[in-house]
PDB file of N, CA and C in Angstrom:
ATOM      1  N   ILE A   1     100.854  29.430 -17.215  1.00  0.00           N
ATOM      2  CA  ILE A   1     100.355  29.169 -18.516  1.00  0.00           C
ATOM      3  C   ILE A   1     101.860  29.091 -19.366  1.00  0.00           C
ATOM      4  N   ILE A   2     102.275  30.295 -19.002  1.00  0.00           N
ATOM      5  CA  ILE A   2     104.047  30.903 -20.064  1.00  0.00           C
ATOM      6  C   ILE A   2     104.310  29.380 -19.862  1.00  0.00           C
ATOM      7  N   ASP A   3     104.244  28.758 -18.718  1.00  0.00           N
ATOM      8  CA  ASP A   3     105.798  27.981 -18.496  1.00  0.00           C
ATOM      9  C   ASP A   3     105.191  26.469 -19.260  1.00  0.00           C
ATOM     10  N   LEU A   4     103.830  26.046 -19.361  1.00  0.00           N
ATOM     11  CA  LEU A   4     103.150  25.270 -19.866  1.00  0.00           C
ATOM     12  C   LEU A   4     103.875  25.312 -21.429  1.00  0.00           C
ATOM     13  N   SER A   5     103.775  26.490 -21.532  1.00  0.00           N
ATOM     14  CA  SER A   5     103.843  26.806 -23.228  1.00  0.00           C
ATOM     15  C   SER A   5     105.453  26.425 -23.626  1.00  0.00           C
ATOM     16  N   MET A   6     106.028  27.095 -22.702  1.00  0.00           N
ATOM     17  CA  MET A   6     107.219  26.921 -22.977  1.00  0.00           C
ATOM     18  C   MET A   6     108.181  25.228 -22.451  1.00  0.00           C
ATOM     19  N   ALA A   7     107.403  24.675 -21.661  1.00  0.00           N
ATOM     20  CA  ALA A   7     107.682  23.364 -21.506  1.00  0.00           C
ATOM     21  C   ALA A   7     107.554  22.367 -22.674  1.00  0.00           C
ATOM     22  N   VAL A   8     106.115  22.597 -23.739  1.00  0.00           N
ATOM     23  CA  VAL A   8     105.988  22.079 -24.999  1.00  0.00           C
ATOM     24  C   VAL A   8     106.841  22.451 -25.566  1.00  0.00           C
ATOM     25  N   GLN A   9     106.794  23.653 -25.863  1.00  0.00           N
ATOM     26  CA  GLN A   9     107.834  23.784 -26.652  1.00  0.00           C
ATOM     27  C   GLN A   9     109.383  23.332 -26.959  1.00  0.00           C
ATOM     28  N   LYS A  10     109.620  22.992 -25.098  1.00  0.00           N
ATOM     29  CA  LYS A  10     110.972  22.311 -24.931  1.00  0.00           C
ATOM     30  C   LYS A  10     111.072  20.922 -25.588  1.00  0.00           C
ATOM     31  N   PHE A  11     110.079  20.313 -25.071  1.00  0.00           N
ATOM     32  CA  PHE A  11     109.471  18.899 -25.611  1.00  0.00           C
ATOM     33  C   PHE A  11     109.619  18.890 -27.032  1.00  0.00           C
ATOM     34  N   SER A  12     109.099  19.391 -27.856  1.00  0.00           N
ATOM     35  CA  SER A  12     108.689  19.044 -29.088  1.00  0.00           C
ATOM     36  C   SER A  12     109.818  19.472 -29.749  1.00  0.00           C
ATOM     37  N   GLN A  13     110.691  20.482 -29.495  1.00  0.00           N
ATOM     38  CA  GLN A  13     112.249  20.760 -29.982  1.00  0.00           C
ATOM     39  C   GLN A  13     113.177  19.195 -29.884  1.00  0.00           C
ATOM     40  N   SER A  14     113.055  19.070 -28.463  1.00  0.00           N
ATOM     41  CA  SER A  14     113.779  17.112 -28.323  1.00  0.00           C
ATOM     42  C   SER A  14     113.529  16.422 -29.315  1.00  0.00           C
ATOM     43  N   LEU A  15     112.378  16.446 -28.972  1.00  0.00           N
ATOM     44  CA  LEU A  15     111.631  14.980 -30.238  1.00  0.00           C
ATOM     45  C   LEU A  15     111.832  15.538 -31.496  1.00  0.00           C
ATOM     46  N   GLN A  16     112.064  16.628 -32.291  1.00  0.00           N
ATOM     47  CA  GLN A  16     112.666  17.044 -33.391  1.00  0.00           C
ATOM     48  C   GLN A  16     113.822  16.689 -33.649  1.00  0.00           C
ATOM     49  N   ASP A  17     114.730  16.763 -32.252  1.00  0.00           N
ATOM     50  CA  ASP A  17     116.338  16.562 -32.813  1.00  0.00           C
ATOM     51  C   ASP A  17     116.721  15.327 -32.020  1.00  0.00           C
ATOM     52  N   PHE A  18     115.757  14.325 -31.826  1.00  0.00           N
ATOM     53  CA  PHE A  18     115.627  12.940 -31.492  1.00  0.00           C
ATOM     54  C   PHE A  18     116.306  11.943 -32.292  1.00  0.00           C
ATOM     55  N   GLN A  19     117.769  11.229 -32.232  1.00  0.00           N
ATOM     56  CA  GLN A  19     118.476  10.717 -32.823  1.00  0.00           C
ATOM     57  C   GLN A  19     118.796   9.164 -32.552  1.00  0.00           C
ATOM     58  N   PHE A  20     118.465   8.019 -33.201  1.00  0.00           N
ATOM     59  CA  PHE A  20     118.912   6.951 -32.720  1.00  0.00           C
ATOM     60  C   PHE A  20     119.874   6.634 -32.344  1.00  0.00           C
ATOM     61  N   GLU A  21     120.896   6.068 -31.743  1.00  0.00           N
ATOM     62  CA  GLU A  21     122.387   5.780 -31.479  1.00  0.00           C
ATOM     63  C   GLU A  21     122.575   3.867 -32.317  1.00  0.00           C
ATOM     64  N   CYS A  22     123.012   4.059 -33.406  1.00  0.00           N
ATOM     65  CA  CYS A  22     122.982   3.370 -34.275  1.00  0.00           C
ATOM     66  C   CYS A  22     123.806   2.095 -33.861  1.00  0.00           C
ATOM     67  N   ILE A  23     123.873   0.690 -33.945  1.00  0.00           N
ATOM     68  CA  ILE A  23     125.150  -0.131 -33.874  1.00  0.00           C
ATOM     69  C   ILE A  23     125.785  -0.223 -35.281  1.00  0.00           C
ATOM     70  N   GLY A  24     125.775   0.296 -35.709  1.00  0.00           N
ATOM     71  CA  GLY A  24     125.992   0.319 -37.276  1.00  0.00           C
ATOM     72  C   GLY A  24     126.445   1.400 -38.270  1.00  0.00           C
ATOM     73  N   ASP A  25     126.400   0.938 -39.541  1.00  0.00           N
ATOM     74  CA  ASP A  25     126.197   2.250 -40.694  1.00  0.00           C
ATOM     75  C   ASP A  25     124.752   2.706 -40.809  1.00  0.00           C
ATOM     76  N   ALA A  26     124.053   1.770 -40.783  1.00  0.00           N
ATOM     77  CA  ALA A  26     122.493   2.184 -41.130  1.00  0.00           C
ATOM     78  C   ALA A  26     121.438   2.027 -40.086  1.00  0.00           C
ATOM     79  N   GLU A  27     120.155   3.142 -40.377  1.00  0.00           N
ATOM     80  CA  GLU A  27     119.587   2.463 -39.248  1.00  0.00           C
ATOM     81  C   GLU A  27     118.438   1.551 -39.915  1.00  0.00           C
ATOM     82  N   THR A  28     117.693   1.057 -38.990  1.00  0.00           N
ATOM     83  CA  THR A  28     116.491  -0.299 -39.387  1.00  0.00           C
ATOM     84  C   THR A  28     115.025   0.823 -39.667  1.00  0.00           C
ATOM     85  N   ASP A  29     114.509  -0.061 -40.610  1.00  0.00           N
ATOM     86  CA  ASP A  29     113.179   0.488 -41.021  1.00  0.00           C
ATOM     87  C   ASP A  29     112.591   0.624 -39.751  1.00  0.00           C
ATOM     88  N   ASP A  30     112.671   0.417 -38.841  1.00  0.00           N
ATOM     89  CA  ASP A  30     111.689   0.582 -37.853  1.00  0.00           C
ATOM     90  C   ASP A  30     112.104   1.802 -36.813  1.00  0.00           C
ATOM     91  N   GLU A  31     113.521   2.012 -36.759  1.00  0.00           N
ATOM     92  CA  GLU A  31     114.168   3.002 -36.142  1.00  0.00           C
ATOM     93  C   GLU A  31     113.807   4.327 -37.277  1.00  0.00           C
ATOM     94  N   ILE A  32     114.150   3.881 -38.537  1.00  0.00           N
ATOM     95  CA  ILE A  32     113.472   5.516 -39.171  1.00  0.00           C
ATOM     96  C   ILE A  32     112.210   5.552 -39.050  1.00  0.00           C
ATOM     97  N   ASN A  33     111.192   5.101 -39.007  1.00  0.00           N
ATOM     98  CA  ASN A  33     109.749   5.008 -38.722  1.00  0.00           C
ATOM     99  C   ASN A  33     109.860   5.461 -37.152  1.00  0.00           C
ATOM    100  N   ILE A  34     110.034   5.252 -36.094  1.00  0.00           N
ATOM    101  CA  ILE A  34     109.994   5.840 -34.870  1.00  0.00           C
ATOM    102  C   ILE A  34     110.802   6.681 -35.425  1.00  0.00           C
ATOM    103  N   ALA A  35     111.778   7.483 -35.749  1.00  0.00           N
ATOM    104  CA  ALA A  35     112.406   8.708 -35.764  1.00  0.00           C
ATOM    105  C   ALA A  35     111.250  10.000 -36.593  1.00  0.00           C
ATOM    106  N   GLN A  36     110.721   9.242 -37.660  1.00  0.00           N
ATOM    107  CA  GLN A  36     110.026  10.158 -38.552  1.00  0.00           C
ATOM    108  C   GLN A  36     108.275  10.294 -37.356  1.00  0.00           C
ATOM    109  N   SER A  37     108.361   9.728 -36.609  1.00  0.00           N
ATOM    110  CA  SER A  37     106.585   9.632 -36.152  1.00  0.00           C
ATOM    111  C   SER A  37     107.119  10.633 -34.873  1.00  0.00           C
ATOM    112  N   LEU A  38     107.936  11.080 -34.476  1.00  0.00           N
ATOM    113  CA  LEU A  38     108.585  11.573 -33.196  1.00  0.00           C
ATOM    114  C   LEU A  38     108.553  12.895 -33.712  1.00  0.00           C
ATOM    115  N   LYS A  39     109.213  13.372 -35.107  1.00  0.00           N
ATOM    116  CA  LYS A  39     109.100  14.286 -35.379  1.00  0.00           C
ATOM    117  C   LYS A  39     107.616  14.794 -35.847  1.00  0.00           C
ATOM    118  N   GLU A  40     106.848  14.055 -36.110  1.00  0.00           N
ATOM    119  CA  GLU A  40     105.686  14.271 -36.637  1.00  0.00           C
ATOM    120  C   GLU A  40     104.882  14.745 -35.709  1.00  0.00           C
ATOM    121  N   PHE A  41     105.253  13.895 -34.527  1.00  0.00           N
ATOM    122  CA  PHE A  41     104.095  14.492 -33.034  1.00  0.00           C
ATOM    123  C   PHE A  41     105.068  15.540 -32.548  1.00  0.00           C
ATOM    124  N   ALA A  42     106.044  16.046 -32.806  1.00  0.00           N
ATOM    125  CA  ALA A  42     106.282  17.006 -32.604  1.00  0.00           C
ATOM    126  C   ALA A  42     106.175  18.309 -33.230  1.00  0.00           C
ATOM    127  N   ARG A  43     105.862  18.301 -34.442  1.00  0.00           N
ATOM    128  CA  ARG A  43     104.885  19.132 -35.695  1.00  0.00           C
ATOM    129  C   ARG A  43     103.701  19.591 -34.712  1.00  0.00           C
ATOM    130  N   LEU A  44     102.949  18.237 -34.352  1.00  0.00           N
ATOM    131  CA  LEU A  44     101.559  18.397 -34.298  1.00  0.00           C
ATOM    132  C   LEU A  44     101.093  19.004 -32.755  1.00  0.00           C
ATOM    133  N   LEU A  45     102.114  18.698 -31.646  1.00  0.00           N
ATOM    134  CA  LEU A  45     102.705  19.306 -30.361  1.00  0.00           C
ATOM    135  C   LEU A  45     102.415  20.643 -30.732  1.00  0.00           C
ATOM    136  N   ILE A  46     103.634  21.520 -31.579  1.00  0.00           N
ATOM    137  CA  ILE A  46     103.724  22.582 -32.131  1.00  0.00           C
ATOM    138  C   ILE A  46     102.274  23.472 -32.274  1.00  0.00           C
ATOM    139  N   ALA A  47     101.647  22.522 -33.488  1.00  0.00           N
ATOM    140  CA  ALA A  47     100.575  22.850 -33.846  1.00  0.00           C
ATOM    141  C   ALA A  47      99.322  23.249 -32.931  1.00  0.00           C
ATOM    142  N   VAL A  48      99.217  22.312 -31.959  1.00  0.00           N
ATOM    143  CA  VAL A  48      98.074  22.157 -30.816  1.00  0.00           C
ATOM    144  C   VAL A  48      98.462  23.451 -30.066  1.00  0.00           C
ATOM    145  N   GLU A  49      99.947  23.732 -29.512  1.00  0.00           N
ATOM    146  CA  GLU A  49     100.210  25.158 -28.385  1.00  0.00           C
ATOM    147  C   GLU A  49     100.138  26.174 -29.062  1.00  0.00           C
ATOM    148  N   GLU A  50     100.273  26.546 -30.842  1.00  0.00           N
ATOM    149  CA  GLU A  50      99.887  27.588 -31.107  1.00  0.00           C
ATOM    150  C   GLU A  50      98.282  27.977 -31.330  1.00  0.00           C
ATOM    151  N   GLU A  51      97.481  26.562 -31.568  1.00  0.00           N
ATOM    152  CA  GLU A  51      96.098  27.062 -31.323  1.00  0.00           C
ATOM    153  C   GLU A  51      95.683  27.596 -30.300  1.00  0.00           C
ATOM    154  N   ARG A  52      96.419  26.653 -29.081  1.00  0.00           N
ATOM    155  CA  ARG A  52      95.775  27.318 -27.908  1.00  0.00           C
ATOM    156  C   ARG A  52      96.407  28.615 -26.982  1.00  0.00           C
ATOM    157  N   ARG A  53      97.457  28.921 -27.335  1.00  0.00           N
ATOM    158  CA  ARG A  53      97.854  30.615 -27.824  1.00  0.00           C
ATOM    159  C   ARG A  53      96.856  30.940 -28.350  1.00  0.00           C
ATOM    160  N   ARG A  54      96.383  30.994 -29.623  1.00  0.00           N
ATOM    161  CA  ARG A  54      95.314  31.561 -30.354  1.00  0.00           C
ATOM    162  C   ARG A  54      94.209  31.804 -29.425  1.00  0.00           C
ATOM    163  N   LEU A  55      93.942  30.584 -28.664  1.00  0.00           N
ATOM    164  CA  LEU A  55      92.392  30.629 -28.211  1.00  0.00           C
ATOM    165  C   LEU A  55      92.583  31.279 -27.127  1.00  0.00           C
ATOM    166  N   ILE A  56      93.748  31.716 -26.264  1.00  0.00           N
ATOM    167  CA  ILE A  56      94.235  32.033 -24.842  1.00  0.00           C
ATOM    168  C   ILE A  56      93.799  33.314 -25.546  1.00  0.00           C
ATOM    169  N   GLN A  57      94.437  34.080 -26.517  1.00  0.00           N
ATOM    170  CA  GLN A  57      94.507  35.200 -27.054  1.00  0.00           C
ATOM    171  C   GLN A  57      93.130  35.687 -27.209  1.00  0.00           C
ATOM    172  N   ASN A  58      92.481  34.640 -27.899  1.00  0.00           N
ATOM    173  CA  ASN A  58      90.791  35.659 -27.883  1.00  0.00           C
ATOM    174  C   ASN A  58      90.286  35.287 -27.214  1.00  0.00           C
ATOM    175  N   ALA A  59      90.536  34.426 -25.859  1.00  0.00           N
ATOM    176  CA  ALA A  59      89.480  34.465 -24.686  1.00  0.00           C
ATOM    177  C   ALA A  59      89.684  35.684 -23.801  1.00  0.00           C
ATOM    178  N   ASN A  60      91.070  36.544 -24.122  1.00  0.00           N
ATOM    179  CA  ASN A  60      91.951  37.647 -23.597  1.00  0.00           C
ATOM    180  C   ASN A  60      90.997  38.813 -24.615  1.00  0.00           C
ATOM    181  N   ASP A  61      90.952  38.871 -25.901  1.00  0.00           N
ATOM    182  CA  ASP A  61      90.553  39.817 -26.738  1.00  0.00           C
ATOM    183  C   ASP A  61      88.973  39.978 -26.460  1.00  0.00           C
ATOM    184  N   VAL A  62      88.154  38.766 -25.870  1.00  0.00           N
ATOM    185  CA  VAL A  62      86.424  39.074 -26.511  1.00  0.00           C
ATOM    186  C   VAL A  62      86.043  38.870 -24.833  1.00  0.00           C
ATOM    187  N   LEU A  63      86.541  38.351 -24.099  1.00  0.00           N
ATOM    188  CA  LEU A  63      86.183  38.285 -22.449  1.00  0.00           C
ATOM    189  C   LEU A  63      86.843  38.818 -21.745  1.00  0.00           C
ATOM    190  N   ILE A  64      88.231  38.640 -21.330  1.00  0.00           N
ATOM    191  CA  ILE A  64      88.496  39.095 -20.055  1.00  0.00           C
ATOM    192  C   ILE A  64      88.894  40.856 -20.058  1.00  0.00           C
ATOM    193  N   ALA A  65      89.744  41.340 -21.349  1.00  0.00           N
ATOM    194  CA  ALA A  65      89.570  42.714 -21.369  1.00  0.00           C
ATOM    195  C   ALA A  65      88.212  43.734 -21.491  1.00  0.00           C
ATOM    196  N   PRO A  66      86.905  43.092 -21.916  1.00  0.00           N
ATOM    197  CA  PRO A  66      85.784  43.556 -21.781  1.00  0.00           C
ATOM    198  C   PRO A  66      85.235  43.601 -20.424  1.00  0.00           C
ATOM    199  N   LEU A  67      85.573  42.406 -19.922  1.00  0.00           N
ATOM    200  CA  LEU A  67      85.000  42.462 -18.664  1.00  0.00           C
ATOM    201  C   LEU A  67      85.757  43.640 -17.578  1.00  0.00           C
ATOM    202  N   GLU A  68      87.112  43.451 -17.623  1.00  0.00           N
ATOM    203  CA  GLU A  68      87.715  44.241 -16.466  1.00  0.00           C
ATOM    204  C   GLU A  68      87.463  45.491 -17.019  1.00  0.00           C
ATOM    205  N   LYS A  69      87.255  46.248 -18.467  1.00  0.00           N
ATOM    206  CA  LYS A  69      87.003  47.012 -18.830  1.00  0.00           C
ATOM    207  C   LYS A  69      85.372  47.796 -18.212  1.00  0.00           C
ATOM    208  N   PHE A  70      84.758  46.945 -18.419  1.00  0.00           N
ATOM    209  CA  PHE A  70      83.475  46.859 -17.673  1.00  0.00           C
ATOM    210  C   PHE A  70      83.826  47.223 -16.239  1.00  0.00           C
ATOM    211  N   ARG A  71      84.290  46.180 -15.488  1.00  0.00           N
ATOM    212  CA  ARG A  71      84.549  46.698 -13.898  1.00  0.00           C
ATOM    213  C   ARG A  71      84.870  47.825 -13.748  1.00  0.00           C
ATOM    214  N   LYS A  72      86.005  48.369 -14.237  1.00  0.00           N
ATOM    215  CA  LYS A  72      86.700  49.724 -14.189  1.00  0.00           C
ATOM    216  C   LYS A  72      85.899  50.788 -14.465  1.00  0.00           C
ATOM    217  N   GLU A  73      85.002  50.566 -15.452  1.00  0.00           N
ATOM    218  CA  GLU A  73      84.228  51.736 -15.936  1.00  0.00           C
ATOM    219  C   GLU A  73      82.611  52.035 -15.475  1.00  0.00           C
ATOM    220  N   GLN A  74      82.096  50.700 -15.216  1.00  0.00           N
ATOM    221  CA  GLN A  74      80.638  50.631 -14.729  1.00  0.00           C
ATOM    222  C   GLN A  74      80.687  50.343 -13.409  1.00  0.00           C
ATOM    223  N   ILE A  75      81.075  49.691 -12.709  1.00  0.00           N
ATOM    224  CA  ILE A  75      81.074  49.037 -11.297  1.00  0.00           C
ATOM    225  C   ILE A  75      82.057  50.186 -10.601  1.00  0.00           C
ATOM    226  N   GLY A  76      82.813  50.572 -11.090  1.00  0.00           N
ATOM    227  CA  GLY A  76      83.623  51.702 -10.643  1.00  0.00           C
ATOM    228  C   GLY A  76      82.884  52.983  -9.737  1.00  0.00           C
ATOM    229  N   ALA A  77      82.329  53.657 -11.350  1.00  0.00           N
ATOM    230  CA  ALA A  77      81.496  54.908 -11.640  1.00  0.00           C
ATOM    231  C   ALA A  77      80.612  54.316 -10.201  1.00  0.00           C
ATOM    232  N   ALA A  78      79.964  53.474 -10.238  1.00  0.00           N
ATOM    233  CA  ALA A  78      78.873  52.872  -9.593  1.00  0.00           C
ATOM    234  C   ALA A  78      79.112  53.218  -7.723  1.00  0.00           C
ATOM    235  N   LYS A  79      80.072  52.309  -7.533  1.00  0.00           N
ATOM    236  CA  LYS A  79      80.798  52.373  -5.904  1.00  0.00           C
ATOM    237  C   LYS A  79      81.421  54.217  -5.800  1.00  0.00           C
ATOM    238  N   ASP A  80      81.595  54.855  -6.742  1.00  0.00           N
ATOM    239  CA  ASP A  80      81.618  56.044  -6.197  1.00  0.00           C
ATOM    240  C   ASP A  80      80.605  56.767  -5.986  1.00  0.00           C
ATOM    241  N   GLY A  81      79.460  56.708  -7.158  1.00  0.00           N
ATOM    242  CA  GLY A  81      78.290  57.331  -6.995  1.00  0.00           C
ATOM    243  C   GLY A  81      77.720  56.865  -5.404  1.00  0.00           C
ATOM    244  N   LYS A  82      78.017  55.791  -5.135  1.00  0.00           N
ATOM    245  CA  LYS A  82      77.280  54.705  -3.680  1.00  0.00           C
ATOM    246  C   LYS A  82      78.275  55.991  -2.711  1.00  0.00           C
ATOM    247  N   LYS A  83      79.696  55.849  -2.718  1.00  0.00           N
ATOM    248  CA  LYS A  83      80.246  56.958  -1.885  1.00  0.00           C
ATOM    249  C   LYS A  83      79.746  58.293  -1.752  1.00  0.00           C
ATOM    250  N   LYS A  84      79.342  58.853  -2.680  1.00  0.00           N
ATOM    251  CA  LYS A  84      79.024  60.049  -2.410  1.00  0.00           C
ATOM    252  C   LYS A  84      77.934  60.239  -2.057  1.00  0.00           C
ATOM    253  N   PHE A  85      77.148  59.250  -2.384  1.00  0.00           N
ATOM    254  CA  PHE A  85      75.259  58.852  -2.081  1.00  0.00           C
ATOM    255  C   PHE A  85      75.981  59.279  -0.208  1.00  0.00           C
ATOM    256  N   ASP A  86      76.496  58.172   0.122  1.00  0.00           N
ATOM    257  CA  ASP A  86      77.132  57.708   1.837  1.00  0.00           C
ATOM    258  C   ASP A  86      77.153  58.712   2.405  1.00  0.00           C
ATOM    259  N   LYS A  87      77.711  59.529   1.655  1.00  0.00           N
ATOM    260  CA  LYS A  87      78.375  60.877   2.446  1.00  0.00           C
ATOM    261  C   LYS A  87      77.711  61.949   2.583  1.00  0.00           C
ATOM    262  N   GLU A  88      76.815  62.113   1.452  1.00  0.00           N
ATOM    263  CA  GLU A  88      75.899  63.250   1.052  1.00  0.00           C
ATOM    264  C   GLU A  88      74.810  63.138   2.106  1.00  0.00           C
ATOM    265  N   SER A  89      74.082  61.496   2.302  1.00  0.00           N
ATOM    266  CA  SER A  89      73.606  60.914   3.203  1.00  0.00           C
ATOM    267  C   SER A  89      73.674  61.284   5.020  1.00  0.00           C
ATOM    268  N   GLU A  90      75.092  61.028   4.962  1.00  0.00           N
ATOM    269  CA  GLU A  90      75.177  60.968   6.476  1.00  0.00           C
ATOM    270  C   GLU A  90      75.315  62.348   6.853  1.00  0.00           C
ATOM    271  N   LYS A  91      75.685  63.808   5.936  1.00  0.00           N
ATOM    272  CA  LYS A  91      75.163  64.787   6.429  1.00  0.00           C
ATOM    273  C   LYS A  91      74.097  65.373   6.674  1.00  0.00           C
ATOM    274  N   TYR A  92      72.834  64.811   5.634  1.00  0.00           N
ATOM    275  CA  TYR A  92      71.605  64.910   5.705  1.00  0.00           C
ATOM    276  C   TYR A  92      71.356  64.521   7.042  1.00  0.00           C
ATOM    277  N   TYR A  93      71.846  63.227   7.331  1.00  0.00           N
ATOM    278  CA  TYR A  93      71.473  62.418   8.850  1.00  0.00           C
ATOM    279  C   TYR A  93      71.705  63.599   9.767  1.00  0.00           C
ATOM    280  N   SER A  94      72.955  63.819   9.412  1.00  0.00           N
ATOM    281  CA  SER A  94      73.704  64.993  10.940  1.00  0.00           C
ATOM    282  C   SER A  94      72.808  65.886  11.722  1.00  0.00           C
ATOM    283  N   ILE A  95      72.218  66.944   9.938  1.00  0.00           N
ATOM    284  CA  ILE A  95      71.480  67.729  10.044  1.00  0.00           C
ATOM    285  C   ILE A  95      70.293  67.924  10.945  1.00  0.00           C
ATOM    286  N   LEU A  96      69.543  66.714  10.514  1.00  0.00           N
ATOM    287  CA  LEU A  96      68.319  66.478  10.476  1.00  0.00           C
ATOM    288  C   LEU A  96      68.381  65.782  12.052  1.00  0.00           C
ATOM    289  N   GLU A  97      69.573  65.454  12.524  1.00  0.00           N
ATOM    290  CA  GLU A  97      69.435  65.121  13.649  1.00  0.00           C
ATOM    291  C   GLU A  97      70.011  66.129  14.726  1.00  0.00           C
ATOM    292  N   LYS A  98      70.368  67.188  14.267  1.00  0.00           N
ATOM    293  CA  LYS A  98      70.702  68.448  14.984  1.00  0.00           C
ATOM    294  C   LYS A  98      69.418  68.977  15.056  1.00  0.00           C
ATOM    295  N   HIS A  99      68.625  69.522  14.003  1.00  0.00           N
ATOM    296  CA  HIS A  99      67.952  69.657  13.929  1.00  0.00           C
ATOM    297  C   HIS A  99      66.676  69.065  14.921  1.00  0.00           C
ATOM    298  N   LEU A 100      66.539  67.756  15.041  1.00  0.00           N
ATOM    299  CA  LEU A 100      65.299  67.397  15.791  1.00  0.00           C
ATOM    300  C   LEU A 100      65.814  67.508  17.549  1.00  0.00           C
ATOM    301  N   ASN A 101      67.096  67.618  17.712  1.00  0.00           N
ATOM    302  CA  ASN A 101      67.489  67.991  19.259  1.00  0.00           C
ATOM    303  C   ASN A 101      67.220  69.306  19.654  1.00  0.00           C
ATOM    304  N   LEU A 102      67.240  70.271  18.594  1.00  0.00           N
ATOM    305  CA  LEU A 102      67.148  72.061  18.604  1.00  0.00           C
ATOM    306  C   LEU A 102      65.248  71.512  18.871  1.00  0.00           C
ATOM    307  N   SER A 103      64.801  70.751  18.219  1.00  0.00           N
ATOM    308  CA  SER A 103      63.278  71.157  18.753  1.00  0.00           C
ATOM    309  C   SER A 103      62.954  70.650  19.394  1.00  0.00           C
ATOM    310  N   ALA A 104      63.622  69.447  20.184  1.00  0.00           N
ATOM    311  CA  ALA A 104      63.114  68.663  21.302  1.00  0.00           C
ATOM    312  C   ALA A 104      63.589  69.714  22.628  1.00  0.00           C
ATOM    313  N   LYS A 105      64.420  70.418  22.456  1.00  0.00           N
ATOM    314  CA  LYS A 105      65.204  71.189  23.429  1.00  0.00           C
ATOM    315  C   LYS A 105      64.121  72.633  23.342  1.00  0.00           C
ATOM    316  N   LYS A 106      63.578  73.177  22.088  1.00  0.00           N
ATOM    317  CA  LYS A 106      62.776  73.838  22.525  1.00  0.00           C
ATOM    318  C   LYS A 106      61.106  73.931  22.734  1.00  0.00           C
ATOM    319  N   LYS A 107      60.599  72.318  22.738  1.00  0.00           N
ATOM    320  CA  LYS A 107      59.171  71.970  23.460  1.00  0.00           C
ATOM    321  C   LYS A 107      59.367  71.667  24.592  1.00  0.00           C
ATOM    322  N   GLU A 108      60.911  71.546  24.828  1.00  0.00           N
ATOM    323  CA  GLU A 108      60.930  71.423  26.518  1.00  0.00           C
ATOM    324  C   GLU A 108      61.207  72.505  27.350  1.00  0.00           C
ATOM    325  N   SER A 109      61.739  73.481  26.754  1.00  0.00           N
ATOM    326  CA  SER A 109      61.808  74.940  27.522  1.00  0.00           C
ATOM    327  C   SER A 109      60.210  75.349  26.751  1.00  0.00           C
ATOM    328  N   HIS A 110      59.275  74.889  26.254  1.00  0.00           N
ATOM    329  CA  HIS A 110      58.050  75.921  26.026  1.00  0.00           C
ATOM    330  C   HIS A 110      57.148  75.103  27.481  1.00  0.00           C
ATOM    331  N   LEU A 111      57.144  73.815  27.733  1.00  0.00           N
ATOM    332  CA  LEU A 111      56.294  73.232  28.490  1.00  0.00           C
ATOM    333  C   LEU A 111      56.734  73.805  29.902  1.00  0.00           C
ATOM    334  N   GLN A 112      58.198  73.857  30.059  1.00  0.00           N
ATOM    335  CA  GLN A 112      58.533  74.549  31.038  1.00  0.00           C
ATOM    336  C   GLN A 112      57.821  76.072  31.551  1.00  0.00           C
ATOM    337  N   ASP A 113      57.821  76.664  30.630  1.00  0.00           N
ATOM    338  CA  ASP A 113      57.067  77.791  30.762  1.00  0.00           C
ATOM    339  C   ASP A 113      55.541  77.912  31.030  1.00  0.00           C
TER     340      ASP A 113
END
């Protein structure tokens, strides 16, 4: 995006600086009209580029920045909560499995008795 902006600015500057090489002392009416049209086109390109930059900045301020903030704060917190939950669940299942193994061994020893 930055490269495009720079290219448009350079192009519009070259349009504004454009000069016909005349064979004589004065430019013809057509040459004068073409030069003025190129300068006006350059001004329009600059105006369009400025509006595009404002649009991109506005989109960044209104959409992208809040979405990044939401992702970092809300989704990040949810992921951390899930990690904690999974870790605690793993501990719980491990303890439960140990308890069930102990219970099964006790039952077998009671059966043998």
